[in-house]
Amino acid sequence: MNNIYSTHSENPKLYLPIDFIQAWSLQKTKASFKGGLTAFRKYLLQMANNLGAHIVEKGLCEKIEIHSGRYQNIEVDGKNVASPALILGSSLSCLSSDFCIWKGKSFFHHLKTRPEPLGWRLTLAMLIDEEGLLEAMPAHSVYQSLGAVPLEIELASPGDYELDAGKSKLVFLRSIMPFESESLEAEHQRTMVSRMYRKWNELFPFAERHIKKIYPDFRSKNFQREFSEIFGFVALDYMPLNLRVFSNKTSSGVGSYSGIEGLYVATSESYPDLGSLGWVVAALECVSSQAHRQAHRLGIAGPFG
């Protein structure tokens, strides 16, 4: 439970909407952010710190206390932390009776129902010499043949992942696995990755001889070890939210409000139809809503007017 963040602030400051919009815009183009993903993460943490957030780098959230349908406080490493609100970065399914301390009326009556995943993203990473790639190759592309599962192709710089690989590029191939127990088997994953690789070779037959490394290497006799390192989830419930794929046809998501007063949600379950930007929109709504609440108590205008 390390994806829970408190809005507790020891030094609160008032910031304009442009600060949030700038961060939102950067999130959409983080691959081109100077310094790569590492610099982008540091930028976001610094911004959160400037906004008055109290960031716990290493801490385990052990309990969430709910009283009559309203969030009260959290327990981090055995210490109670009081805050006016809480933003949940994990699935709503984590709010079990064993994790939450609730008093008064049962909060399960108010808690929203999380959307059911359609599948999850399986990824194959390749390190390829620039000579084997098209000069005008886009950073993101999707290929889909009739009746087949889409193949997502992402081009990235090794520097974004703190890798020194000279004149090479990282290519990520992604496809959607059904959200079924069978998809957790290494052999099943290997079959899907093999199909993804074959399709890649059909699209870019000249790139194969320029490949330096493949991970996980489905061609290896010890492929099970590498697959278990990345996708070795013991059950579907342990599947990270960032890998889950939702369908807006079956669910519109939970939005930014969990159903419990003071407890917000900013995950891929919030707005599945917005894809990777869903949690960003939800986070903006969470901050805006709480800022309006606090501004109303103080009798001043909120940051969004």
C-alpha atoms as a PDB file:
ATOM      1  CA  MET A   1       0.000   0.000   0.000  1.00  0.00           C
ATOM      2  CA  ASN A   2       2.656   2.543  -0.992  1.00  0.00           C
ATOM      3  CA  ASN A   3       0.398   4.360  -3.459  1.00  0.00           C
ATOM      4  CA  ILE A   4      -1.505   6.468  -0.960  1.00  0.00           C
ATOM      5  CA  TYR A   5      -0.756  10.161  -0.628  1.00  0.00           C
ATOM      6  CA  SER A   6      -1.960  12.615   1.985  1.00  0.00           C
ATOM      7  CA  THR A   7      -2.814  16.249   1.324  1.00  0.00           C
ATOM      8  CA  HIS A   8      -1.325  17.121   4.730  1.00  0.00           C
ATOM      9  CA  SER A   9       0.657  20.368   4.452  1.00  0.00           C
ATOM     10  CA  GLU A  10       3.010  22.063   6.906  1.00  0.00           C
ATOM     11  CA  ASN A  11       3.588  25.045   4.600  1.00  0.00           C
ATOM     12  CA  PRO A  12       0.549  25.527   2.358  1.00  0.00           C
ATOM     13  CA  LYS A  13       0.811  27.979  -0.549  1.00  0.00           C
ATOM     14  CA  LEU A  14      -1.720  29.324  -3.021  1.00  0.00           C
ATOM     15  CA  TYR A  15      -0.960  28.433  -6.636  1.00  0.00           C
ATOM     16  CA  LEU A  16      -2.748  29.404  -9.827  1.00  0.00           C
ATOM     17  CA  PRO A  17      -4.434  26.882 -12.165  1.00  0.00           C
ATOM     18  CA  ILE A  18      -1.620  27.426 -14.676  1.00  0.00           C
ATOM     19  CA  ASP A  19       0.721  25.489 -12.375  1.00  0.00           C
ATOM     20  CA  PHE A  20      -1.497  22.427 -12.560  1.00  0.00           C
ATOM     21  CA  ILE A  21      -2.132  22.847 -16.287  1.00  0.00           C
ATOM     22  CA  GLN A  22       1.607  23.034 -16.942  1.00  0.00           C
ATOM     23  CA  ALA A  23       2.175  19.779 -15.065  1.00  0.00           C
ATOM     24  CA  TRP A  24      -0.711  18.183 -16.928  1.00  0.00           C
ATOM     25  CA  SER A  25       0.734  19.259 -20.278  1.00  0.00           C
ATOM     26  CA  LEU A  26       4.162  17.943 -19.335  1.00  0.00           C
ATOM     27  CA  GLN A  27       2.652  14.623 -18.341  1.00  0.00           C
ATOM     28  CA  LYS A  28       1.362  14.232 -21.887  1.00  0.00           C
ATOM     29  CA  THR A  29       4.829  14.842 -23.364  1.00  0.00           C
ATOM     30  CA  LYS A  30       7.094  13.440 -20.664  1.00  0.00           C
ATOM     31  CA  ALA A  31       9.047  11.373 -23.183  1.00  0.00           C
ATOM     32  CA  SER A  32      10.473  14.618 -24.620  1.00  0.00           C
ATOM     33  CA  PHE A  33      11.060  16.267 -21.229  1.00  0.00           C
ATOM     34  CA  LYS A  34      14.687  17.387 -20.957  1.00  0.00           C
ATOM     35  CA  GLY A  35      16.508  14.862 -18.798  1.00  0.00           C
ATOM     36  CA  GLY A  36      13.993  12.090 -19.475  1.00  0.00           C
ATOM     37  CA  LEU A  37      11.662  10.334 -17.056  1.00  0.00           C
ATOM     38  CA  THR A  38      14.007  10.695 -14.079  1.00  0.00           C
ATOM     39  CA  ALA A  39      14.118  14.481 -14.433  1.00  0.00           C
ATOM     40  CA  PHE A  40      10.352  14.542 -15.000  1.00  0.00           C
ATOM     41  CA  ARG A  41       9.675  12.630 -11.764  1.00  0.00           C
ATOM     42  CA  LYS A  42      11.983  14.966  -9.840  1.00  0.00           C
ATOM     43  CA  TYR A  43      10.140  17.930 -11.324  1.00  0.00           C
ATOM     44  CA  LEU A  44       6.763  16.593 -10.175  1.00  0.00           C
ATOM     45  CA  LEU A  45       8.072  15.853  -6.669  1.00  0.00           C
ATOM     46  CA  GLN A  46       9.549  19.337  -6.434  1.00  0.00           C
ATOM     47  CA  MET A  47       6.277  20.846  -7.600  1.00  0.00           C
ATOM     48  CA  ALA A  48       4.354  18.834  -5.000  1.00  0.00           C
ATOM     49  CA  ASN A  49       6.782  20.047  -2.346  1.00  0.00           C
ATOM     50  CA  ASN A  50       6.333  23.667  -3.484  1.00  0.00           C
ATOM     51  CA  LEU A  51       2.572  23.221  -3.265  1.00  0.00           C
ATOM     52  CA  GLY A  52       2.943  22.296   0.386  1.00  0.00           C
ATOM     53  CA  ALA A  53       2.596  18.518   0.161  1.00  0.00           C
ATOM     54  CA  HIS A  54       4.231  16.383   2.812  1.00  0.00           C
ATOM     55  CA  ILE A  55       6.046  13.606   0.917  1.00  0.00           C
ATOM     56  CA  VAL A  56       6.977  10.383   2.684  1.00  0.00           C
ATOM     57  CA  GLU A  57       9.627   8.702   0.527  1.00  0.00           C
ATOM     58  CA  LYS A  58       9.678   5.429   2.423  1.00  0.00           C
ATOM     59  CA  GLY A  59       6.605   4.625   4.416  1.00  0.00           C
ATOM     60  CA  LEU A  60       3.904   1.986   4.620  1.00  0.00           C
ATOM     61  CA  CYS A  61       0.280   2.995   4.961  1.00  0.00           C
ATOM     62  CA  GLU A  62      -1.199   0.440   7.351  1.00  0.00           C
ATOM     63  CA  LYS A  63      -4.679   1.712   8.157  1.00  0.00           C
ATOM     64  CA  ILE A  64      -7.304   4.163   6.950  1.00  0.00           C
ATOM     65  CA  GLU A  65      -9.892   5.316   9.478  1.00  0.00           C
ATOM     66  CA  ILE A  66     -13.427   6.065   8.297  1.00  0.00           C
ATOM     67  CA  HIS A  67     -16.103   7.500  10.579  1.00  0.00           C
ATOM     68  CA  SER A  68     -19.755   7.474   9.471  1.00  0.00           C
ATOM     69  CA  GLY A  69     -18.848   7.610   5.813  1.00  0.00           C
ATOM     70  CA  ARG A  70     -16.124  10.259   6.180  1.00  0.00           C
ATOM     71  CA  TYR A  71     -12.342   9.921   5.993  1.00  0.00           C
ATOM     72  CA  GLN A  72     -10.611  10.685   9.321  1.00  0.00           C
ATOM     73  CA  ASN A  73      -6.899   9.832   9.202  1.00  0.00           C
ATOM     74  CA  ILE A  74      -4.307   7.281   8.131  1.00  0.00           C
ATOM     75  CA  GLU A  75      -1.698   5.265   9.973  1.00  0.00           C
ATOM     76  CA  VAL A  76       1.803   5.303   8.458  1.00  0.00           C
ATOM     77  CA  ASP A  77       4.496   3.126  10.022  1.00  0.00           C
ATOM     78  CA  GLY A  78       2.541   2.968  13.263  1.00  0.00           C
ATOM     79  CA  LYS A  79       1.914   6.734  13.454  1.00  0.00           C
ATOM     80  CA  ASN A  80      -1.444   8.446  12.968  1.00  0.00           C
ATOM     81  CA  VAL A  81      -1.362  11.198  10.349  1.00  0.00           C
ATOM     82  CA  ALA A  82      -4.286  13.607  10.317  1.00  0.00           C
ATOM     83  CA  SER A  83      -5.188  15.385   7.083  1.00  0.00           C
ATOM     84  CA  PRO A  84      -8.324  16.997   5.668  1.00  0.00           C
ATOM     85  CA  ALA A  85      -8.346  14.633   2.689  1.00  0.00           C
ATOM     86  CA  LEU A  86      -6.669  11.612   1.160  1.00  0.00           C
ATOM     87  CA  ILE A  87      -5.994  10.735  -2.484  1.00  0.00           C
ATOM     88  CA  LEU A  88      -5.935   7.013  -3.140  1.00  0.00           C
ATOM     89  CA  GLY A  89      -3.493   5.827  -5.807  1.00  0.00           C
ATOM     90  CA  SER A  90      -4.471   2.167  -5.526  1.00  0.00           C
ATOM     91  CA  SER A  91      -7.497   0.179  -6.593  1.00  0.00           C
ATOM     92  CA  LEU A  92     -10.676   0.615  -4.579  1.00  0.00           C
ATOM     93  CA  SER A  93     -10.513  -3.128  -3.991  1.00  0.00           C
ATOM     94  CA  CYS A  94      -7.735  -2.494  -1.458  1.00  0.00           C
ATOM     95  CA  LEU A  95     -10.243  -0.899   0.900  1.00  0.00           C
ATOM     96  CA  SER A  96     -11.103  -4.115   2.690  1.00  0.00           C
ATOM     97  CA  SER A  97     -12.343  -4.418   6.246  1.00  0.00           C
ATOM     98  CA  ASP A  98      -8.873  -5.648   7.273  1.00  0.00           C
ATOM     99  CA  PHE A  99      -7.227  -2.487   5.953  1.00  0.00           C
ATOM    100  CA  CYS A 100      -9.800   0.082   7.097  1.00  0.00           C
ATOM    101  CA  ILE A 101     -10.938   0.994  10.572  1.00  0.00           C
ATOM    102  CA  TRP A 102     -14.484   2.273  10.314  1.00  0.00           C
ATOM    103  CA  LYS A 103     -16.851   3.545  12.936  1.00  0.00           C
ATOM    104  CA  GLY A 104     -20.521   4.362  12.826  1.00  0.00           C
ATOM    105  CA  LYS A 105     -22.469   3.433   9.710  1.00  0.00           C
ATOM    106  CA  SER A 106     -20.764   0.923   7.409  1.00  0.00           C
ATOM    107  CA  PHE A 107     -18.795   2.816   4.755  1.00  0.00           C
ATOM    108  CA  PHE A 108     -19.192  -0.044   2.291  1.00  0.00           C
ATOM    109  CA  HIS A 109     -22.702   1.268   1.726  1.00  0.00           C
ATOM    110  CA  HIS A 110     -21.197   4.452   0.237  1.00  0.00           C
ATOM    111  CA  LEU A 111     -18.089   3.124  -1.516  1.00  0.00           C
ATOM    112  CA  LYS A 112     -18.303   3.118  -5.304  1.00  0.00           C
ATOM    113  CA  THR A 113     -17.912  -0.057  -7.329  1.00  0.00           C
ATOM    114  CA  ARG A 114     -14.635  -0.187  -9.227  1.00  0.00           C
ATOM    115  CA  PRO A 115     -14.680  -0.986 -12.973  1.00  0.00           C
ATOM    116  CA  GLU A 116     -13.714  -4.476 -14.082  1.00  0.00           C
ATOM    117  CA  PRO A 117     -10.546  -4.734 -16.225  1.00  0.00           C
ATOM    118  CA  LEU A 118     -10.879  -5.866 -19.809  1.00  0.00           C
ATOM    119  CA  GLY A 119      -7.267  -7.048 -19.942  1.00  0.00           C
ATOM    120  CA  TRP A 120      -3.691  -6.068 -19.150  1.00  0.00           C
ATOM    121  CA  ARG A 121      -0.704  -4.817 -21.170  1.00  0.00           C
ATOM    122  CA  LEU A 122       2.108  -7.239 -21.940  1.00  0.00           C
ATOM    123  CA  THR A 123       5.374  -5.532 -22.915  1.00  0.00           C
ATOM    124  CA  LEU A 124       8.456  -6.621 -24.846  1.00  0.00           C
ATOM    125  CA  ALA A 125      11.483  -4.289 -24.712  1.00  0.00           C
ATOM    126  CA  MET A 126      14.206  -4.189 -27.365  1.00  0.00           C
ATOM    127  CA  LEU A 127      17.458  -2.226 -27.569  1.00  0.00           C
ATOM    128  CA  ILE A 128      18.113  -1.458 -31.239  1.00  0.00           C
ATOM    129  CA  ASP A 129      20.832   0.440 -33.125  1.00  0.00           C
ATOM    130  CA  GLU A 130      19.559   3.662 -34.679  1.00  0.00           C
ATOM    131  CA  GLU A 131      20.668   2.336 -38.079  1.00  0.00           C
ATOM    132  CA  GLY A 132      17.940  -0.286 -37.895  1.00  0.00           C
ATOM    133  CA  LEU A 133      15.131   2.224 -37.391  1.00  0.00           C
ATOM    134  CA  LEU A 134      13.368   4.640 -39.693  1.00  0.00           C
ATOM    135  CA  GLU A 135      14.558   8.235 -39.386  1.00  0.00           C
ATOM    136  CA  ALA A 136      11.016   9.577 -39.217  1.00  0.00           C
ATOM    137  CA  MET A 137       9.695   6.792 -36.998  1.00  0.00           C
ATOM    138  CA  PRO A 138       7.023   8.230 -34.645  1.00  0.00           C
ATOM    139  CA  ALA A 139       7.395   7.975 -30.882  1.00  0.00           C
ATOM    140  CA  HIS A 140       4.039   6.185 -30.618  1.00  0.00           C
ATOM    141  CA  SER A 141       2.151   4.127 -33.170  1.00  0.00           C
ATOM    142  CA  VAL A 142      -0.481   1.393 -33.232  1.00  0.00           C
ATOM    143  CA  TYR A 143      -0.843  -1.369 -35.801  1.00  0.00           C
ATOM    144  CA  GLN A 144      -3.898  -3.582 -36.060  1.00  0.00           C
ATOM    145  CA  SER A 145      -4.784  -6.082 -38.734  1.00  0.00           C
ATOM    146  CA  LEU A 146      -8.368  -7.233 -39.264  1.00  0.00           C
ATOM    147  CA  GLY A 147      -9.587  -9.348 -36.349  1.00  0.00           C
ATOM    148  CA  ALA A 148      -6.258  -9.157 -34.479  1.00  0.00           C
ATOM    149  CA  VAL A 149      -5.256  -7.594 -31.166  1.00  0.00           C
ATOM    150  CA  PRO A 150      -3.661  -4.135 -31.624  1.00  0.00           C
ATOM    151  CA  LEU A 151       0.127  -3.880 -31.402  1.00  0.00           C
ATOM    152  CA  GLU A 152       1.367  -0.722 -29.686  1.00  0.00           C
ATOM    153  CA  ILE A 153       4.862   0.462 -30.627  1.00  0.00           C
ATOM    154  CA  GLU A 154       6.738   3.032 -28.543  1.00  0.00           C
ATOM    155  CA  LEU A 155      10.139   4.521 -29.352  1.00  0.00           C
ATOM    156  CA  ALA A 156      12.135   5.934 -26.423  1.00  0.00           C
ATOM    157  CA  SER A 157      15.597   7.142 -25.525  1.00  0.00           C
ATOM    158  CA  PRO A 158      17.664   4.891 -23.200  1.00  0.00           C
ATOM    159  CA  GLY A 159      18.531   8.048 -21.265  1.00  0.00           C
ATOM    160  CA  ASP A 160      14.914   8.302 -20.157  1.00  0.00           C
ATOM    161  CA  TYR A 161      15.543   5.120 -18.181  1.00  0.00           C
ATOM    162  CA  GLU A 162      19.049   6.084 -16.997  1.00  0.00           C
ATOM    163  CA  LEU A 163      20.716   3.754 -19.513  1.00  0.00           C
ATOM    164  CA  ASP A 164      23.889   4.605 -21.419  1.00  0.00           C
ATOM    165  CA  ALA A 165      23.456   2.761 -24.710  1.00  0.00           C
ATOM    166  CA  GLY A 166      25.282   5.006 -27.187  1.00  0.00           C
ATOM    167  CA  LYS A 167      23.503   5.423 -30.528  1.00  0.00           C
ATOM    168  CA  SER A 168      20.687   3.036 -29.712  1.00  0.00           C
ATOM    169  CA  LYS A 169      16.986   3.348 -29.072  1.00  0.00           C
ATOM    170  CA  LEU A 170      14.520   1.491 -26.899  1.00  0.00           C
ATOM    171  CA  VAL A 171      11.514   0.003 -28.649  1.00  0.00           C
ATOM    172  CA  PHE A 172       8.580  -1.241 -26.582  1.00  0.00           C
ATOM    173  CA  LEU A 173       6.019  -3.588 -28.097  1.00  0.00           C
ATOM    174  CA  ARG A 174       2.756  -3.871 -26.168  1.00  0.00           C
ATOM    175  CA  SER A 175      -0.354  -5.933 -26.621  1.00  0.00           C
ATOM    176  CA  ILE A 176      -3.399  -6.657 -24.504  1.00  0.00           C
ATOM    177  CA  MET A 177      -3.745  -9.935 -22.643  1.00  0.00           C
ATOM    178  CA  PRO A 178      -7.200 -11.060 -21.471  1.00  0.00           C
ATOM    179  CA  PHE A 179      -7.770 -10.494 -17.767  1.00  0.00           C
ATOM    180  CA  GLU A 180      -7.832 -14.219 -17.030  1.00  0.00           C
ATOM    181  CA  SER A 181      -5.748 -16.485 -14.788  1.00  0.00           C
ATOM    182  CA  GLU A 182      -4.319 -18.271 -17.817  1.00  0.00           C
ATOM    183  CA  SER A 183      -2.622 -15.042 -18.889  1.00  0.00           C
ATOM    184  CA  LEU A 184      -0.356 -15.248 -15.819  1.00  0.00           C
ATOM    185  CA  GLU A 185       1.340 -18.422 -17.077  1.00  0.00           C
ATOM    186  CA  ALA A 186       4.826 -17.837 -18.511  1.00  0.00           C
ATOM    187  CA  GLU A 187       4.233 -20.145 -21.472  1.00  0.00           C
ATOM    188  CA  HIS A 188       1.080 -18.262 -22.391  1.00  0.00           C
ATOM    189  CA  GLN A 189       2.914 -14.944 -22.167  1.00  0.00           C
ATOM    190  CA  ARG A 190       5.758 -16.318 -24.274  1.00  0.00           C
ATOM    191  CA  THR A 191       3.330 -17.272 -27.033  1.00  0.00           C
ATOM    192  CA  MET A 192       1.861 -13.762 -27.112  1.00  0.00           C
ATOM    193  CA  VAL A 193       5.294 -12.096 -27.098  1.00  0.00           C
ATOM    194  CA  SER A 194       6.396 -14.329 -29.987  1.00  0.00           C
ATOM    195  CA  ARG A 195       3.409 -13.141 -32.019  1.00  0.00           C
ATOM    196  CA  MET A 196       4.201  -9.527 -31.208  1.00  0.00           C
ATOM    197  CA  TYR A 197       7.804 -10.006 -32.314  1.00  0.00           C
ATOM    198  CA  ARG A 198       6.788 -11.690 -35.570  1.00  0.00           C
ATOM    199  CA  LYS A 199       4.432  -8.836 -36.371  1.00  0.00           C
ATOM    200  CA  TRP A 200       7.228  -6.341 -35.641  1.00  0.00           C
ATOM    201  CA  ASN A 201       9.519  -8.172 -38.063  1.00  0.00           C
ATOM    202  CA  GLU A 202       6.831  -8.054 -40.736  1.00  0.00           C
ATOM    203  CA  LEU A 203       6.572  -4.289 -40.322  1.00  0.00           C
ATOM    204  CA  PHE A 204      10.322  -3.650 -39.958  1.00  0.00           C
ATOM    205  CA  PRO A 205      12.193  -6.646 -41.471  1.00  0.00           C
ATOM    206  CA  PHE A 206      15.444  -4.670 -41.686  1.00  0.00           C
ATOM    207  CA  ALA A 207      15.587  -4.008 -37.923  1.00  0.00           C
ATOM    208  CA  GLU A 208      16.106  -7.569 -36.682  1.00  0.00           C
ATOM    209  CA  ARG A 209      19.850  -7.709 -37.370  1.00  0.00           C
ATOM    210  CA  HIS A 210      20.341  -4.455 -35.440  1.00  0.00           C
ATOM    211  CA  ILE A 211      18.775  -5.742 -32.209  1.00  0.00           C
ATOM    212  CA  LYS A 212      21.244  -5.701 -29.303  1.00  0.00           C
ATOM    213  CA  LYS A 213      19.027  -7.003 -26.525  1.00  0.00           C
ATOM    214  CA  ILE A 214      15.508  -8.293 -25.951  1.00  0.00           C
ATOM    215  CA  TYR A 215      13.791  -8.391 -22.570  1.00  0.00           C
ATOM    216  CA  PRO A 216      12.208 -10.661 -21.613  1.00  0.00           C
ATOM    217  CA  ASP A 217      14.063 -12.921 -24.039  1.00  0.00           C
ATOM    218  CA  PHE A 218      11.367 -15.359 -25.141  1.00  0.00           C
ATOM    219  CA  ARG A 219      13.962 -17.188 -27.271  1.00  0.00           C
ATOM    220  CA  SER A 220      16.015 -18.268 -24.257  1.00  0.00           C
ATOM    221  CA  LYS A 221      15.767 -21.714 -22.683  1.00  0.00           C
ATOM    222  CA  ASN A 222      15.471 -19.953 -19.335  1.00  0.00           C
ATOM    223  CA  PHE A 223      12.668 -17.681 -20.514  1.00  0.00           C
ATOM    224  CA  GLN A 224      10.524 -18.502 -17.483  1.00  0.00           C
ATOM    225  CA  ARG A 225      12.954 -16.754 -15.137  1.00  0.00           C
ATOM    226  CA  GLU A 226      12.853 -13.462 -17.032  1.00  0.00           C
ATOM    227  CA  PHE A 227       9.089 -13.571 -17.485  1.00  0.00           C
ATOM    228  CA  SER A 228       8.589 -14.220 -13.777  1.00  0.00           C
ATOM    229  CA  GLU A 229      10.821 -11.240 -12.938  1.00  0.00           C
ATOM    230  CA  ILE A 230       8.505  -8.909 -14.833  1.00  0.00           C
ATOM    231  CA  PHE A 231       5.086 -10.535 -14.934  1.00  0.00           C
ATOM    232  CA  GLY A 232       5.282 -13.012 -12.071  1.00  0.00           C
ATOM    233  CA  PHE A 233       2.017 -12.003 -10.418  1.00  0.00           C
ATOM    234  CA  VAL A 234       0.630 -14.712  -8.148  1.00  0.00           C
ATOM    235  CA  ALA A 235      -2.953 -13.665  -8.944  1.00  0.00           C
ATOM    236  CA  LEU A 236      -4.862 -11.142 -11.036  1.00  0.00           C
ATOM    237  CA  ASP A 237      -5.625  -9.098  -7.912  1.00  0.00           C
ATOM    238  CA  TYR A 238      -1.908  -8.286  -7.691  1.00  0.00           C
ATOM    239  CA  MET A 239      -1.814  -6.849 -11.207  1.00  0.00           C
ATOM    240  CA  PRO A 240      -0.577  -3.212 -11.014  1.00  0.00           C
ATOM    241  CA  LEU A 241      -3.140  -0.616 -12.024  1.00  0.00           C
ATOM    242  CA  ASN A 242      -0.866   0.875 -14.678  1.00  0.00           C
ATOM    243  CA  LEU A 243      -0.948  -2.446 -16.559  1.00  0.00           C
ATOM    244  CA  ARG A 244      -4.715  -2.888 -16.438  1.00  0.00           C
ATOM    245  CA  VAL A 245      -6.884  -2.003 -19.422  1.00  0.00           C
ATOM    246  CA  PHE A 246     -10.493  -0.931 -18.976  1.00  0.00           C
ATOM    247  CA  SER A 247     -13.337  -0.620 -21.439  1.00  0.00           C
ATOM    248  CA  ASN A 248     -15.470   2.517 -21.444  1.00  0.00           C
ATOM    249  CA  LYS A 249     -18.264   0.415 -22.946  1.00  0.00           C
ATOM    250  CA  THR A 250     -18.650  -1.601 -19.752  1.00  0.00           C
ATOM    251  CA  SER A 251     -17.844   1.084 -17.206  1.00  0.00           C
ATOM    252  CA  SER A 252     -17.415   4.845 -17.104  1.00  0.00           C
ATOM    253  CA  GLY A 253     -15.115   4.580 -14.099  1.00  0.00           C
ATOM    254  CA  VAL A 254     -15.420   5.849 -10.542  1.00  0.00           C
ATOM    255  CA  GLY A 255     -14.309   9.409 -11.264  1.00  0.00           C
ATOM    256  CA  SER A 256     -12.247  11.237  -8.650  1.00  0.00           C
ATOM    257  CA  TYR A 257     -14.630  10.702  -5.736  1.00  0.00           C
ATOM    258  CA  SER A 258     -14.580   7.350  -3.951  1.00  0.00           C
ATOM    259  CA  GLY A 259     -17.992   7.766  -2.368  1.00  0.00           C
ATOM    260  CA  ILE A 260     -16.421   8.475   1.031  1.00  0.00           C
ATOM    261  CA  GLU A 261     -16.264  12.135   2.053  1.00  0.00           C
ATOM    262  CA  GLY A 262     -12.658  13.326   2.033  1.00  0.00           C
ATOM    263  CA  LEU A 263     -11.375  10.210   0.246  1.00  0.00           C
ATOM    264  CA  TYR A 264     -10.486  10.748  -3.407  1.00  0.00           C
ATOM    265  CA  VAL A 265      -9.272   8.455  -6.184  1.00  0.00           C
ATOM    266  CA  ALA A 266      -6.690   9.193  -8.898  1.00  0.00           C
ATOM    267  CA  THR A 267      -5.979   5.975 -10.787  1.00  0.00           C
ATOM    268  CA  SER A 268      -6.720   4.317 -14.112  1.00  0.00           C
ATOM    269  CA  GLU A 269     -10.039   3.258 -12.535  1.00  0.00           C
ATOM    270  CA  SER A 270     -11.108   6.915 -12.403  1.00  0.00           C
ATOM    271  CA  TYR A 271     -11.658   7.573 -16.113  1.00  0.00           C
ATOM    272  CA  PRO A 272     -10.840   4.454 -18.169  1.00  0.00           C
ATOM    273  CA  ASP A 273     -11.980   6.108 -21.403  1.00  0.00           C
ATOM    274  CA  LEU A 274      -9.180   8.692 -21.076  1.00  0.00           C
ATOM    275  CA  GLY A 275      -6.470   6.052 -21.008  1.00  0.00           C
ATOM    276  CA  SER A 276      -3.185   7.055 -19.353  1.00  0.00           C
ATOM    277  CA  LEU A 277      -4.488  10.594 -18.790  1.00  0.00           C
ATOM    278  CA  GLY A 278      -7.429   9.434 -16.679  1.00  0.00           C
ATOM    279  CA  TRP A 279      -5.563   9.596 -13.381  1.00  0.00           C
ATOM    280  CA  VAL A 280      -4.193  13.055 -14.257  1.00  0.00           C
ATOM    281  CA  VAL A 281      -7.684  14.471 -14.780  1.00  0.00           C
ATOM    282  CA  ALA A 282      -8.846  12.797 -11.567  1.00  0.00           C
ATOM    283  CA  ALA A 283      -5.891  14.232  -9.633  1.00  0.00           C
ATOM    284  CA  LEU A 284      -6.713  17.746 -10.864  1.00  0.00           C
ATOM    285  CA  GLU A 285     -10.320  17.266  -9.774  1.00  0.00           C
ATOM    286  CA  CYS A 286      -9.186  16.024  -6.358  1.00  0.00           C
ATOM    287  CA  VAL A 287      -6.964  19.049  -5.777  1.00  0.00           C
ATOM    288  CA  SER A 288      -9.584  21.469  -7.091  1.00  0.00           C
ATOM    289  CA  SER A 289     -12.355  19.993  -4.956  1.00  0.00           C
ATOM    290  CA  GLN A 290     -10.316  20.032  -1.765  1.00  0.00           C
ATOM    291  CA  ALA A 291      -8.975  23.532  -2.471  1.00  0.00           C
ATOM    292  CA  HIS A 292     -12.537  24.816  -2.866  1.00  0.00           C
ATOM    293  CA  ARG A 293     -13.516  23.170   0.414  1.00  0.00           C
ATOM    294  CA  GLN A 294     -10.648  24.755   2.318  1.00  0.00           C
ATOM    295  CA  ALA A 295     -11.143  28.138   0.633  1.00  0.00           C
ATOM    296  CA  HIS A 296     -14.839  28.059   1.548  1.00  0.00           C
ATOM    297  CA  ARG A 297     -13.963  27.424   5.202  1.00  0.00           C
ATOM    298  CA  LEU A 298     -11.567  30.396   5.136  1.00  0.00           C
ATOM    299  CA  GLY A 299     -14.033  32.603   3.287  1.00  0.00           C
ATOM    300  CA  ILE A 300     -11.759  33.216   0.277  1.00  0.00           C
ATOM    301  CA  ALA A 301     -11.911  32.367  -3.413  1.00  0.00           C
ATOM    302  CA  GLY A 302     -10.504  28.984  -4.426  1.00  0.00           C
ATOM    303  CA  PRO A 303      -7.542  28.584  -6.815  1.00  0.00           C
ATOM    304  CA  PHE A 304      -9.907  27.804  -9.707  1.00  0.00           C
ATOM    305  CA  GLY A 305     -12.187  30.780  -9.089  1.00  0.00           C
END
